[in-house]
C-alpha atoms as a PDB file:
ATOM      1  CA  MET A   1       0.719   6.808  -8.150  1.00  0.00           C
ATOM      2  CA  LEU A   2       2.751   3.652  -8.491  1.00  0.00           C
ATOM      3  CA  LEU A   3       6.351   3.273  -7.376  1.00  0.00           C
ATOM      4  CA  LEU A   4       8.372   0.198  -8.156  1.00  0.00           C
ATOM      5  CA  SER A   5      10.990  -1.214  -5.811  1.00  0.00           C
ATOM      6  CA  ALA A   6      13.207  -4.248  -5.841  1.00  0.00           C
ATOM      7  CA  GLY A   7      11.546  -7.494  -4.798  1.00  0.00           C
ATOM      8  CA  ASN A   8      13.704  -7.825  -1.689  1.00  0.00           C
ATOM      9  CA  VAL A   9      12.777  -4.410  -0.208  1.00  0.00           C
ATOM     10  CA  ASN A  10      10.179  -3.902   2.520  1.00  0.00           C
ATOM     11  CA  ASP A  11       7.006  -2.082   1.475  1.00  0.00           C
ATOM     12  CA  ILE A  12       7.412   0.440   4.268  1.00  0.00           C
ATOM     13  CA  SER A  13      10.598   1.775   2.678  1.00  0.00           C
ATOM     14  CA  MET A  14       8.462   3.275  -0.111  1.00  0.00           C
ATOM     15  CA  ALA A  15       5.736   4.575   2.213  1.00  0.00           C
ATOM     16  CA  GLU A  16       7.213   8.007   2.837  1.00  0.00           C
ATOM     17  CA  ALA A  17       7.590   8.790  -0.879  1.00  0.00           C
ATOM     18  CA  LEU A  18       4.043   7.601  -1.581  1.00  0.00           C
ATOM     19  CA  ILE A  19       2.620   9.657   1.279  1.00  0.00           C
ATOM     20  CA  GLU A  20       4.403  12.788   0.053  1.00  0.00           C
ATOM     21  CA  ALA A  21       3.087  12.235  -3.476  1.00  0.00           C
ATOM     22  CA  ALA A  22      -0.477  11.447  -2.369  1.00  0.00           C
ATOM     23  CA  GLY A  23      -1.509  14.945  -1.390  1.00  0.00           C
ATOM     24  CA  PRO A  24      -3.889  15.592   1.518  1.00  0.00           C
ATOM     25  CA  PHE A  25      -5.756  12.691   3.130  1.00  0.00           C
ATOM     26  CA  ARG A  26      -7.444  12.058   6.486  1.00  0.00           C
ATOM     27  CA  ARG A  27      -6.412   8.473   7.299  1.00  0.00           C
ATOM     28  CA  LEU A  28      -4.062   5.773   6.149  1.00  0.00           C
ATOM     29  CA  LEU A  29      -5.259   2.161   6.207  1.00  0.00           C
ATOM     30  CA  ALA A  30      -2.341  -0.273   6.317  1.00  0.00           C
ATOM     31  CA  ASP A  31      -1.461  -3.709   7.628  1.00  0.00           C
ATOM     32  CA  LYS A  32       0.950  -4.625  10.439  1.00  0.00           C
ATOM     33  CA  GLY A  33       3.921  -4.341   8.095  1.00  0.00           C
ATOM     34  CA  TYR A  34       3.555  -0.560   8.310  1.00  0.00           C
ATOM     35  CA  ASP A  35       3.573  -0.389  12.114  1.00  0.00           C
ATOM     36  CA  ALA A  36       6.570   1.878  12.691  1.00  0.00           C
ATOM     37  CA  ASP A  37       6.898   4.887  14.967  1.00  0.00           C
ATOM     38  CA  ARG A  38       8.536   6.920  12.211  1.00  0.00           C
ATOM     39  CA  LEU A  39       5.582   6.392   9.858  1.00  0.00           C
ATOM     40  CA  ARG A  40       3.090   7.176  12.608  1.00  0.00           C
ATOM     41  CA  GLN A  41       4.950  10.418  13.387  1.00  0.00           C
ATOM     42  CA  LEU A  42       4.930  11.396   9.709  1.00  0.00           C
ATOM     43  CA  LEU A  43       1.173  10.841   9.558  1.00  0.00           C
ATOM     44  CA  ALA A  44       0.643  12.836  12.750  1.00  0.00           C
ATOM     45  CA  ARG A  45       2.614  15.764  11.290  1.00  0.00           C
ATOM     46  CA  ARG A  46       0.356  15.675   8.235  1.00  0.00           C
ATOM     47  CA  GLY A  47      -2.746  15.551  10.431  1.00  0.00           C
ATOM     48  CA  ALA A  48      -3.755  12.079   9.236  1.00  0.00           C
ATOM     49  CA  GLU A  49      -4.991   9.200  11.350  1.00  0.00           C
ATOM     50  CA  ALA A  50      -2.983   5.968  11.266  1.00  0.00           C
ATOM     51  CA  VAL A  51      -5.331   2.979  11.026  1.00  0.00           C
ATOM     52  CA  ILE A  52      -2.616   0.380  11.500  1.00  0.00           C
ATOM     53  CA  PRO A  53      -2.816  -2.571  13.906  1.00  0.00           C
ATOM     54  CA  SER A  54       0.168  -3.028  16.191  1.00  0.00           C
ATOM     55  CA  THR A  55       2.631  -5.834  15.707  1.00  0.00           C
ATOM     56  CA  ALA A  56       2.914  -8.513  18.360  1.00  0.00           C
ATOM     57  CA  SER A  57       6.353  -7.188  19.335  1.00  0.00           C
ATOM     58  CA  ARG A  58       4.941  -3.912  20.698  1.00  0.00           C
ATOM     59  CA  ARG A  59       4.759  -3.904  24.485  1.00  0.00           C
ATOM     60  CA  ALA A  60       1.748  -1.592  24.570  1.00  0.00           C
ATOM     61  CA  PRO A  61      -0.516  -2.014  21.521  1.00  0.00           C
ATOM     62  CA  ILE A  62      -1.623   1.220  19.888  1.00  0.00           C
ATOM     63  CA  PRO A  63      -5.413   1.430  19.484  1.00  0.00           C
ATOM     64  CA  TYR A  64      -6.855   1.819  15.980  1.00  0.00           C
ATOM     65  CA  ASP A  65     -10.283   2.127  14.353  1.00  0.00           C
ATOM     66  CA  VAL A  66     -11.294  -1.503  13.699  1.00  0.00           C
ATOM     67  CA  THR A  67     -14.340  -0.488  11.654  1.00  0.00           C
ATOM     68  CA  ALA A  68     -12.262   1.679   9.315  1.00  0.00           C
ATOM     69  CA  TYR A  69      -9.613  -1.052   9.069  1.00  0.00           C
ATOM     70  CA  ARG A  70     -12.175  -3.415   7.548  1.00  0.00           C
ATOM     71  CA  ASP A  71     -12.283  -1.199   4.454  1.00  0.00           C
ATOM     72  CA  ARG A  72      -8.693  -2.251   3.708  1.00  0.00           C
ATOM     73  CA  ASN A  73     -10.063  -5.403   2.108  1.00  0.00           C
ATOM     74  CA  LEU A  74     -11.006  -3.296  -0.940  1.00  0.00           C
ATOM     75  CA  VAL A  75      -7.325  -2.626  -1.571  1.00  0.00           C
ATOM     76  CA  GLU A  76      -6.410  -6.265  -0.991  1.00  0.00           C
ATOM     77  CA  ARG A  77      -9.072  -7.382  -3.476  1.00  0.00           C
ATOM     78  CA  MET A  78      -7.728  -4.889  -6.017  1.00  0.00           C
ATOM     79  CA  TRP A  79      -4.214  -6.382  -5.727  1.00  0.00           C
ATOM     80  CA  CYS A  80      -5.642  -9.897  -6.053  1.00  0.00           C
ATOM     81  CA  ARG A  81      -7.485  -8.779  -9.167  1.00  0.00           C
ATOM     82  CA  LEU A  82      -4.264  -7.368 -10.640  1.00  0.00           C
ATOM     83  CA  LYS A  83      -2.467 -10.630  -9.933  1.00  0.00           C
ATOM     84  CA  ASP A  84      -5.025 -12.401 -12.129  1.00  0.00           C
ATOM     85  CA  PHE A  85      -3.025 -10.896 -14.985  1.00  0.00           C
ATOM     86  CA  ARG A  86      -0.139 -13.302 -15.446  1.00  0.00           C
ATOM     87  CA  ARG A  87       2.242 -10.613 -16.660  1.00  0.00           C
ATOM     88  CA  VAL A  88       1.761  -8.662 -13.419  1.00  0.00           C
ATOM     89  CA  ALA A  89       1.970 -11.657 -11.082  1.00  0.00           C
ATOM     90  CA  THR A  90       5.158 -13.141 -12.535  1.00  0.00           C
ATOM     91  CA  ARG A  91       6.987 -10.015 -13.744  1.00  0.00           C
ATOM     92  CA  TYR A  92       8.467 -11.315 -16.957  1.00  0.00           C
ATOM     93  CA  ASP A  93       9.598  -7.812 -17.975  1.00  0.00           C
ATOM     94  CA  LYS A  94      13.241  -6.949 -17.438  1.00  0.00           C
ATOM     95  CA  LEU A  95      12.776  -3.174 -17.484  1.00  0.00           C
ATOM     96  CA  ALA A  96      10.875  -1.399 -14.729  1.00  0.00           C
ATOM     97  CA  ARG A  97       9.166   0.965 -17.186  1.00  0.00           C
ATOM     98  CA  ASN A  98       7.771  -1.992 -19.162  1.00  0.00           C
ATOM     99  CA  TYR A  99       6.506  -3.654 -16.006  1.00  0.00           C
ATOM    100  CA  LEU A 100       4.868  -0.453 -14.747  1.00  0.00           C
ATOM    101  CA  SER A 101       3.233  -0.023 -18.147  1.00  0.00           C
ATOM    102  CA  GLY A 102       1.829  -3.538 -17.905  1.00  0.00           C
ATOM    103  CA  VAL A 103       0.532  -2.878 -14.392  1.00  0.00           C
ATOM    104  CA  SER A 104      -1.121   0.332 -15.577  1.00  0.00           C
ATOM    105  CA  ILE A 105      -2.820  -1.457 -18.461  1.00  0.00           C
ATOM    106  CA  ALA A 106      -3.955  -4.286 -16.163  1.00  0.00           C
ATOM    107  CA  ALA A 107      -5.329  -1.774 -13.639  1.00  0.00           C
ATOM    108  CA  THR A 108      -7.209   0.041 -16.391  1.00  0.00           C
ATOM    109  CA  CYS A 109      -8.665  -3.236 -17.705  1.00  0.00           C
ATOM    110  CA  ALA A 110      -9.645  -4.378 -14.198  1.00  0.00           C
ATOM    111  CA  TYR A 111     -11.363  -1.035 -13.538  1.00  0.00           C
ATOM    112  CA  TRP A 112     -13.103  -1.097 -16.919  1.00  0.00           C
ATOM    113  CA  LEU A 113     -14.364  -4.683 -16.460  1.00  0.00           C
ATOM    114  CA  ASN A 114     -15.967  -3.898 -13.099  1.00  0.00           C
END
């Protein structure tokens, strides 16, 4: 599932909606931008493990599975691959539905080419 937000909105603001739409899962791999107590509590209620490194501002860092966190690079490489498509990287489209359509086509092409 893809959700589109304004460019000046934090990614974590969309996390709750994406988690609700995702269905059941065992763990969430995310970067430091998702280190929030509210998100961790939501994951705990769902019975999922939060594999999120703590930000430097936390007094007591929360431990996480470093080995599992390394798998996050697959997602990062996927986003880099999508940004190879100029239309996705620059967002020339004015309408959100057109942009999401372009992202969907680019994702399909990237999957098909690999």
